[in-house]
Amino acid sequence: SSNLWVDTPLNPEAELASSVAVFDVKNLEKGYEVIPIGELSGISEGVRRVVQGEYNKDGSEIWFSVWNSKTQESAIVVIDDKTRKLKAVIKDKRLVTP
């Protein structure tokens, strides 16, 4: 992948903590694109801190955890690395922020 994904979960601004920036390392002069992962999760409550993007085995997807408080909903958001578009949102009551 030529994408560099950057999360900022500890940013005091909720909008920034719930988004990621993505750079094309082959064209850094172009700047970055903001992807609103928290919004894409469909979760409306809480700060929705986006953490720890991890690629799937073949590198075609990047998976982000959306953390909330223990009493609020959390999720995993799957993004297509090539198109930078939403592929899936995984929600389950067992997904609890530690």
N, C-alpha and C. Protein backbone atom coordinates (compact mmCIF):
# COMPACT_ATOMS: atom_id res chain seq x y z
N SER A 1 0.83 -1.19 0.00
CA SER A 1 0.00 0.00 0.00
C SER A 1 0.87 1.25 0.00
N SER A 2 0.41 2.27 -0.66
CA SER A 2 1.11 3.55 -0.61
C SER A 2 0.40 4.50 0.35
N ASN A 3 -0.57 4.00 1.10
CA ASN A 3 -1.29 4.83 2.06
C ASN A 3 -0.63 4.79 3.43
N LEU A 4 -0.56 5.94 4.06
CA LEU A 4 -0.11 6.07 5.44
C LEU A 4 -1.30 6.58 6.24
N TRP A 5 -1.82 5.75 7.13
CA TRP A 5 -3.01 6.08 7.92
C TRP A 5 -2.56 6.58 9.29
N VAL A 6 -3.14 7.71 9.75
CA VAL A 6 -2.75 8.32 11.02
C VAL A 6 -3.99 8.51 11.89
N ASP A 7 -3.96 7.94 13.10
CA ASP A 7 -5.07 8.16 14.03
C ASP A 7 -4.62 9.14 15.12
N THR A 8 -5.60 9.78 15.76
CA THR A 8 -5.31 10.73 16.84
C THR A 8 -6.33 10.54 17.97
N PRO A 9 -6.39 9.35 18.57
CA PRO A 9 -7.44 9.05 19.54
C PRO A 9 -7.40 9.88 20.82
N LEU A 10 -6.26 10.46 21.14
CA LEU A 10 -6.16 11.25 22.37
C LEU A 10 -6.36 12.74 22.14
N ASN A 11 -6.69 13.13 20.92
CA ASN A 11 -6.94 14.54 20.64
C ASN A 11 -8.17 14.98 21.45
N PRO A 12 -8.10 16.14 22.11
CA PRO A 12 -9.24 16.59 22.93
C PRO A 12 -10.47 16.97 22.10
N GLU A 13 -10.31 17.20 20.81
CA GLU A 13 -11.45 17.52 19.96
C GLU A 13 -12.07 16.22 19.45
N ALA A 14 -13.34 16.00 19.80
CA ALA A 14 -14.01 14.73 19.47
C ALA A 14 -13.98 14.44 17.97
N GLU A 15 -14.15 15.47 17.15
CA GLU A 15 -14.16 15.26 15.70
C GLU A 15 -12.83 14.70 15.20
N LEU A 16 -11.73 15.19 15.76
CA LEU A 16 -10.41 14.70 15.36
C LEU A 16 -10.12 13.32 15.94
N ALA A 17 -10.56 13.08 17.18
CA ALA A 17 -10.34 11.78 17.82
C ALA A 17 -11.11 10.67 17.11
N SER A 18 -12.18 11.04 16.40
CA SER A 18 -13.01 10.03 15.74
C SER A 18 -12.75 9.94 14.24
N SER A 19 -11.69 10.57 13.78
CA SER A 19 -11.32 10.54 12.36
C SER A 19 -9.89 10.06 12.19
N VAL A 20 -9.53 9.73 10.96
CA VAL A 20 -8.14 9.44 10.63
C VAL A 20 -7.75 10.29 9.44
N ALA A 21 -6.46 10.53 9.31
CA ALA A 21 -5.92 11.20 8.12
C ALA A 21 -5.16 10.14 7.33
N VAL A 22 -5.23 10.23 6.02
CA VAL A 22 -4.51 9.27 5.18
C VAL A 22 -3.71 10.04 4.13
N PHE A 23 -2.44 9.70 4.05
CA PHE A 23 -1.50 10.30 3.10
C PHE A 23 -1.13 9.27 2.04
N ASP A 24 -0.86 9.73 0.84
CA ASP A 24 -0.27 8.89 -0.20
C ASP A 24 1.24 9.12 -0.10
N VAL A 25 1.99 8.13 0.35
CA VAL A 25 3.42 8.32 0.57
C VAL A 25 4.19 8.56 -0.73
N LYS A 26 3.57 8.27 -1.86
CA LYS A 26 4.20 8.54 -3.15
C LYS A 26 3.95 9.97 -3.62
N ASN A 27 3.07 10.68 -2.90
CA ASN A 27 2.74 12.05 -3.26
C ASN A 27 2.39 12.85 -2.00
N LEU A 28 3.35 13.00 -1.10
CA LEU A 28 3.10 13.68 0.17
C LEU A 28 2.72 15.15 -0.01
N GLU A 29 3.17 15.76 -1.10
CA GLU A 29 2.87 17.16 -1.36
C GLU A 29 1.36 17.38 -1.52
N LYS A 30 0.65 16.35 -1.88
CA LYS A 30 -0.79 16.42 -2.09
C LYS A 30 -1.54 16.68 -0.78
N GLY A 31 -0.91 16.40 0.35
CA GLY A 31 -1.58 16.57 1.63
C GLY A 31 -2.30 15.30 2.05
N TYR A 32 -3.28 15.45 2.90
CA TYR A 32 -3.98 14.29 3.44
C TYR A 32 -5.48 14.39 3.20
N GLU A 33 -6.13 13.24 3.31
CA GLU A 33 -7.58 13.16 3.25
C GLU A 33 -8.07 12.73 4.62
N VAL A 34 -9.10 13.38 5.13
CA VAL A 34 -9.68 13.01 6.42
C VAL A 34 -10.82 12.02 6.16
N ILE A 35 -10.78 10.90 6.87
CA ILE A 35 -11.83 9.89 6.78
C ILE A 35 -12.55 9.86 8.14
N PRO A 36 -13.85 10.18 8.17
CA PRO A 36 -14.59 10.24 9.44
C PRO A 36 -15.03 8.86 9.92
N ILE A 37 -14.10 8.08 10.40
CA ILE A 37 -14.35 6.69 10.80
C ILE A 37 -15.47 6.60 11.84
N GLY A 38 -15.44 7.47 12.84
CA GLY A 38 -16.48 7.45 13.87
C GLY A 38 -17.86 7.64 13.28
N GLU A 39 -17.98 8.58 12.37
CA GLU A 39 -19.26 8.83 11.68
C GLU A 39 -19.66 7.61 10.85
N LEU A 40 -18.71 7.04 10.13
CA LEU A 40 -19.00 5.88 9.29
C LEU A 40 -19.45 4.67 10.11
N SER A 41 -19.06 4.64 11.39
CA SER A 41 -19.44 3.51 12.26
C SER A 41 -20.94 3.48 12.53
N GLY A 42 -21.60 4.62 12.35
CA GLY A 42 -23.03 4.69 12.64
C GLY A 42 -23.34 4.89 14.11
N ILE A 43 -22.31 5.02 14.93
CA ILE A 43 -22.49 5.26 16.36
C ILE A 43 -22.64 6.76 16.55
N SER A 44 -23.70 7.17 17.25
CA SER A 44 -23.93 8.60 17.42
C SER A 44 -23.55 9.11 18.81
N GLU A 45 -23.39 8.21 19.76
CA GLU A 45 -23.09 8.65 21.13
C GLU A 45 -21.60 8.55 21.43
N GLY A 46 -21.15 9.37 22.37
CA GLY A 46 -19.77 9.29 22.84
C GLY A 46 -18.76 9.93 21.91
N VAL A 47 -17.49 9.87 22.32
CA VAL A 47 -16.40 10.48 21.56
C VAL A 47 -16.02 9.64 20.35
N ARG A 48 -16.17 8.33 20.42
CA ARG A 48 -15.86 7.41 19.31
C ARG A 48 -14.38 7.51 18.92
N ARG A 49 -13.50 7.22 19.85
CA ARG A 49 -12.06 7.30 19.58
C ARG A 49 -11.64 6.19 18.61
N VAL A 50 -10.98 6.59 17.55
CA VAL A 50 -10.55 5.65 16.51
C VAL A 50 -9.10 5.27 16.78
N VAL A 51 -8.85 3.97 16.88
CA VAL A 51 -7.52 3.50 17.25
C VAL A 51 -7.04 2.35 16.37
N GLN A 52 -5.75 2.25 16.26
CA GLN A 52 -5.02 1.07 15.81
C GLN A 52 -5.52 0.45 14.51
N GLY A 53 -5.32 1.18 13.42
CA GLY A 53 -5.63 0.61 12.12
C GLY A 53 -4.73 -0.58 11.83
N GLU A 54 -5.32 -1.69 11.42
CA GLU A 54 -4.54 -2.89 11.10
C GLU A 54 -5.01 -3.45 9.76
N TYR A 55 -4.04 -3.84 8.94
CA TYR A 55 -4.35 -4.41 7.63
C TYR A 55 -4.76 -5.87 7.73
N ASN A 56 -5.63 -6.28 6.80
CA ASN A 56 -5.93 -7.71 6.69
C ASN A 56 -4.73 -8.40 6.03
N LYS A 57 -4.79 -9.70 5.90
CA LYS A 57 -3.64 -10.49 5.45
C LYS A 57 -3.11 -10.05 4.08
N ASP A 58 -4.00 -9.79 3.13
CA ASP A 58 -3.52 -9.43 1.78
C ASP A 58 -3.32 -7.92 1.59
N GLY A 59 -3.58 -7.13 2.63
CA GLY A 59 -3.33 -5.70 2.56
C GLY A 59 -4.37 -4.89 1.80
N SER A 60 -5.49 -5.50 1.49
CA SER A 60 -6.52 -4.79 0.72
C SER A 60 -7.48 -3.99 1.60
N GLU A 61 -7.51 -4.30 2.90
CA GLU A 61 -8.41 -3.62 3.83
C GLU A 61 -7.63 -3.16 5.05
N ILE A 62 -8.09 -2.06 5.64
CA ILE A 62 -7.56 -1.64 6.93
C ILE A 62 -8.74 -1.57 7.90
N TRP A 63 -8.56 -2.16 9.07
CA TRP A 63 -9.61 -2.28 10.08
C TRP A 63 -9.28 -1.34 11.24
N PHE A 64 -10.25 -0.51 11.61
CA PHE A 64 -10.09 0.43 12.73
C PHE A 64 -11.07 0.08 13.84
N SER A 65 -10.58 0.12 15.08
CA SER A 65 -11.45 -0.03 16.25
C SER A 65 -12.00 1.35 16.59
N VAL A 66 -13.29 1.40 16.89
CA VAL A 66 -13.93 2.63 17.35
C VAL A 66 -14.28 2.40 18.81
N TRP A 67 -13.54 3.07 19.69
CA TRP A 67 -13.72 2.88 21.13
C TRP A 67 -14.64 3.95 21.70
N ASN A 68 -15.44 3.53 22.64
CA ASN A 68 -16.33 4.41 23.39
C ASN A 68 -16.18 4.03 24.85
N SER A 69 -16.99 4.63 25.72
CA SER A 69 -16.92 4.21 27.12
C SER A 69 -17.50 2.80 27.25
N LYS A 70 -17.25 2.17 28.38
CA LYS A 70 -17.68 0.78 28.59
C LYS A 70 -19.19 0.60 28.45
N THR A 71 -19.95 1.65 28.75
CA THR A 71 -21.41 1.54 28.71
C THR A 71 -21.99 1.96 27.36
N GLN A 72 -21.13 2.34 26.42
CA GLN A 72 -21.60 2.78 25.10
C GLN A 72 -21.12 1.81 24.02
N GLU A 73 -21.79 1.88 22.88
CA GLU A 73 -21.48 0.99 21.77
C GLU A 73 -20.11 1.28 21.17
N SER A 74 -19.39 0.23 20.80
CA SER A 74 -18.13 0.32 20.08
C SER A 74 -18.28 -0.48 18.78
N ALA A 75 -17.29 -0.37 17.89
CA ALA A 75 -17.41 -1.05 16.60
C ALA A 75 -16.04 -1.24 15.98
N ILE A 76 -16.02 -2.00 14.89
CA ILE A 76 -14.85 -2.12 14.02
C ILE A 76 -15.30 -1.66 12.64
N VAL A 77 -14.52 -0.75 12.06
CA VAL A 77 -14.84 -0.20 10.74
C VAL A 77 -13.79 -0.69 9.75
N VAL A 78 -14.25 -1.26 8.64
CA VAL A 78 -13.36 -1.82 7.62
C VAL A 78 -13.38 -0.88 6.41
N ILE A 79 -12.18 -0.45 6.01
CA ILE A 79 -12.02 0.48 4.89
C ILE A 79 -11.22 -0.21 3.78
N ASP A 80 -11.65 -0.02 2.54
CA ASP A 80 -10.90 -0.51 1.38
C ASP A 80 -9.66 0.36 1.23
N ASP A 81 -8.48 -0.24 1.30
CA ASP A 81 -7.24 0.54 1.25
C ASP A 81 -7.04 1.25 -0.08
N LYS A 82 -7.48 0.67 -1.16
CA LYS A 82 -7.27 1.26 -2.48
C LYS A 82 -8.20 2.45 -2.73
N THR A 83 -9.49 2.27 -2.43
CA THR A 83 -10.48 3.32 -2.71
C THR A 83 -10.70 4.26 -1.52
N ARG A 84 -10.27 3.84 -0.33
CA ARG A 84 -10.49 4.58 0.91
C ARG A 84 -11.97 4.71 1.24
N LYS A 85 -12.76 3.77 0.80
CA LYS A 85 -14.21 3.77 1.03
C LYS A 85 -14.59 2.69 2.04
N LEU A 86 -15.72 2.91 2.70
CA LEU A 86 -16.24 1.96 3.69
C LEU A 86 -16.60 0.63 3.04
N LYS A 87 -16.14 -0.46 3.65
CA LYS A 87 -16.50 -1.80 3.19
C LYS A 87 -17.48 -2.47 4.15
N ALA A 88 -17.28 -2.25 5.46
CA ALA A 88 -18.14 -2.92 6.43
C ALA A 88 -18.02 -2.26 7.80
N VAL A 89 -19.06 -2.44 8.59
CA VAL A 89 -19.04 -2.05 10.00
C VAL A 89 -19.43 -3.28 10.80
N ILE A 90 -18.61 -3.62 11.77
CA ILE A 90 -18.87 -4.78 12.62
C ILE A 90 -19.25 -4.27 14.00
N LYS A 91 -20.45 -4.65 14.44
CA LYS A 91 -20.92 -4.27 15.77
C LYS A 91 -21.35 -5.54 16.49
N ASP A 92 -21.05 -5.58 17.76
CA ASP A 92 -21.43 -6.73 18.57
C ASP A 92 -21.37 -6.29 20.03
N LYS A 93 -22.30 -6.76 20.83
CA LYS A 93 -22.30 -6.37 22.25
C LYS A 93 -21.03 -6.82 22.96
N ARG A 94 -20.31 -7.78 22.37
CA ARG A 94 -19.05 -8.25 22.98
C ARG A 94 -17.88 -7.31 22.69
N LEU A 95 -18.07 -6.36 21.78
CA LEU A 95 -17.02 -5.37 21.50
C LEU A 95 -17.12 -4.27 22.55
N VAL A 96 -16.30 -4.39 23.58
CA VAL A 96 -16.33 -3.44 24.69
C VAL A 96 -14.95 -2.82 24.82
N THR A 97 -14.92 -1.50 24.92
CA THR A 97 -13.65 -0.81 25.10
C THR A 97 -13.06 -1.20 26.45
N PRO A 98 -11.78 -1.60 26.46
CA PRO A 98 -11.16 -2.00 27.73
C PRO A 98 -10.96 -0.83 28.67
